[in-house]
Protein backbone atom coordinates (compact mmCIF):
# COMPACT_ATOMS: atom_id res chain seq x y z
CA UNK A 1 24.56 9.83 -21.62
CA UNK A 2 21.63 10.04 -19.36
CA UNK A 3 20.99 7.06 -17.22
CA UNK A 4 18.02 6.17 -14.81
CA UNK A 5 19.03 4.14 -11.93
CA UNK A 6 16.62 2.24 -9.63
CA UNK A 7 17.65 1.32 -6.15
CA UNK A 8 19.00 2.78 -2.92
CA UNK A 9 20.53 6.13 -3.95
CA UNK A 10 23.46 5.54 -1.46
CA UNK A 11 24.55 2.51 -3.22
CA UNK A 12 23.98 3.95 -6.61
CA UNK A 13 25.92 7.13 -5.73
CA UNK A 14 28.84 5.36 -4.43
CA UNK A 15 28.96 2.67 -7.19
CA UNK A 16 28.07 4.55 -10.51
CA UNK A 17 28.44 8.43 -9.93
CA UNK A 18 31.97 10.02 -10.33
CA UNK A 19 32.96 12.99 -8.12
CA UNK A 20 31.78 16.43 -9.38
CA UNK A 21 29.86 15.01 -12.28
CA UNK A 22 26.27 16.19 -11.70
CA UNK A 23 24.87 19.56 -12.59
CA UNK A 24 21.58 19.54 -10.59
CA UNK A 25 20.38 17.42 -7.75
CA UNK A 26 16.65 17.48 -6.76
CA UNK A 27 15.96 15.31 -3.44
CA UNK A 28 12.48 14.88 -2.28
CA UNK A 29 12.87 12.46 0.65
CA UNK A 30 10.03 11.04 2.75
CA UNK A 31 9.08 13.51 5.61
CA UNK A 32 8.07 10.99 8.24
CA UNK A 33 4.49 11.62 7.89
CA UNK A 34 3.71 8.14 9.41
CA UNK A 35 1.59 7.32 6.21
CA UNK A 36 1.65 4.47 3.76
CA UNK A 37 1.41 5.90 0.11
CA UNK A 38 -0.24 3.51 -2.56
CA UNK A 39 -0.40 3.34 -6.23
CA UNK A 40 -4.06 3.33 -6.94
CA UNK A 41 -5.34 1.69 -10.04
CA UNK A 42 -8.50 2.68 -12.02
CA UNK A 43 -11.16 0.31 -13.47
CA UNK A 44 -12.41 0.59 -17.02
CA UNK A 45 -14.77 3.30 -16.22
CA UNK A 46 -12.00 5.46 -14.84
CA UNK A 47 -13.07 5.11 -11.02
CA UNK A 48 -10.61 4.13 -8.41
CA UNK A 49 -10.37 0.50 -8.03
CA UNK A 50 -9.97 -1.28 -4.67
CA UNK A 51 -6.80 -2.64 -6.04
CA UNK A 52 -3.71 -0.95 -4.63
CA UNK A 53 -0.24 -1.54 -4.20
CA UNK A 54 1.91 0.13 -1.39
CA UNK A 55 4.46 2.35 -3.06
CA UNK A 56 6.44 3.23 0.17
CA UNK A 57 5.86 3.75 3.68
CA UNK A 58 6.86 7.13 5.08
CA UNK A 59 7.97 6.17 8.66
CA UNK A 60 11.46 6.18 9.83
CA UNK A 61 12.73 3.72 12.41
CA UNK A 62 16.13 2.84 13.67
CA UNK A 63 17.21 -0.42 11.94
CA UNK A 64 20.26 -2.45 11.55
CA UNK A 65 20.75 -0.60 8.11
CA UNK A 66 20.59 2.74 10.15
CA UNK A 67 22.95 1.50 12.71
CA UNK A 68 25.38 0.65 9.79
CA UNK A 69 25.14 4.13 8.28
CA UNK A 70 25.81 5.70 11.57
CA UNK A 71 28.69 3.44 12.04
CA UNK A 72 30.00 4.27 8.58
CA UNK A 73 29.79 7.91 9.33
CA UNK A 74 31.72 7.43 12.62
CA UNK A 75 34.58 5.24 11.21
CA UNK A 76 34.60 6.55 7.66
CA UNK A 77 36.61 9.23 5.94
CA UNK A 78 33.96 11.88 6.64
CA UNK A 79 34.56 15.44 7.96
CA UNK A 80 35.14 15.68 11.59
CA UNK A 81 32.31 18.21 11.93
CA UNK A 82 29.77 15.71 10.58
CA UNK A 83 30.99 13.01 13.07
CA UNK A 84 30.83 15.43 15.88
CA UNK A 85 27.19 16.63 14.86
CA UNK A 86 25.88 13.20 14.48
CA UNK A 87 27.39 12.07 17.77
CA UNK A 88 25.91 15.01 19.52
CA UNK A 89 22.48 14.44 18.02
CA UNK A 90 22.51 10.92 19.21
CA UNK A 91 23.74 11.63 22.57
CA UNK A 92 21.06 14.46 22.90
CA UNK A 93 18.12 12.55 21.23
CA UNK A 94 18.99 9.01 21.77
CA UNK A 95 18.12 6.22 19.14
CA UNK A 96 14.74 7.20 17.76
CA UNK A 97 12.88 7.87 14.59
CA UNK A 98 14.23 11.35 14.09
CA UNK A 99 17.79 10.07 14.62
CA UNK A 100 17.12 7.44 11.95
CA UNK A 101 16.13 9.98 9.55
CA UNK A 102 18.86 12.36 10.30
CA UNK A 103 21.43 9.45 9.93
CA UNK A 104 20.08 8.19 6.72
CA UNK A 105 19.86 11.75 5.21
CA UNK A 106 23.47 12.91 6.50
CA UNK A 107 25.20 9.96 4.71
CA UNK A 108 23.52 10.57 1.53
CA UNK A 109 23.82 14.42 1.52
CA UNK A 110 27.58 13.92 1.93
CA UNK A 111 27.47 11.63 -1.15
CA UNK A 112 25.36 14.00 -3.09
CA UNK A 113 27.75 16.79 -2.36
CA UNK A 114 30.70 14.79 -3.44
CA UNK A 115 29.04 14.16 -6.94
CA UNK A 116 27.88 17.73 -7.35
CA UNK A 117 29.83 20.05 -9.80
CA UNK A 118 31.39 23.10 -8.19
CA UNK A 119 28.76 25.08 -10.32
CA UNK A 120 25.92 22.63 -9.60
CA UNK A 121 22.88 23.02 -7.38
CA UNK A 122 21.06 20.96 -4.85
CA UNK A 123 17.49 21.45 -4.21
CA UNK A 124 16.23 19.63 -1.00
CA UNK A 125 12.38 19.47 -0.79
CA UNK A 126 11.32 18.92 2.79
CA UNK A 127 8.58 20.38 5.18
CA UNK A 128 8.34 21.01 8.93
CA UNK A 129 7.10 17.45 9.68
CA UNK A 130 10.75 16.37 10.03
């Protein structure tokens, strides 16, 4: 019935989630705040401890993974409008942090749309930072 997956949502979506099978999607991606977010532990008294673990870094950069996602969009069975839009963004902006963010979001949003039921809803939480 209900399953919790841990990992890259693109891989999980492609491998485990059937077309038009999801009623509700809530997406809260990193906003490129250029900050590292930590899990802070508390000591026995309830005070914040110096011990911390980095949960994630909210910085987008162009990597081999980003290039692979961009290439996948360009060569895959994606709508022509998406290919044109992504190519136009890249020609206009070049390869930079914002282009990395747009690439990684675009390929995931297409997959999320694929798994969403016709009667489903997507809520995308973002802010003006990106």
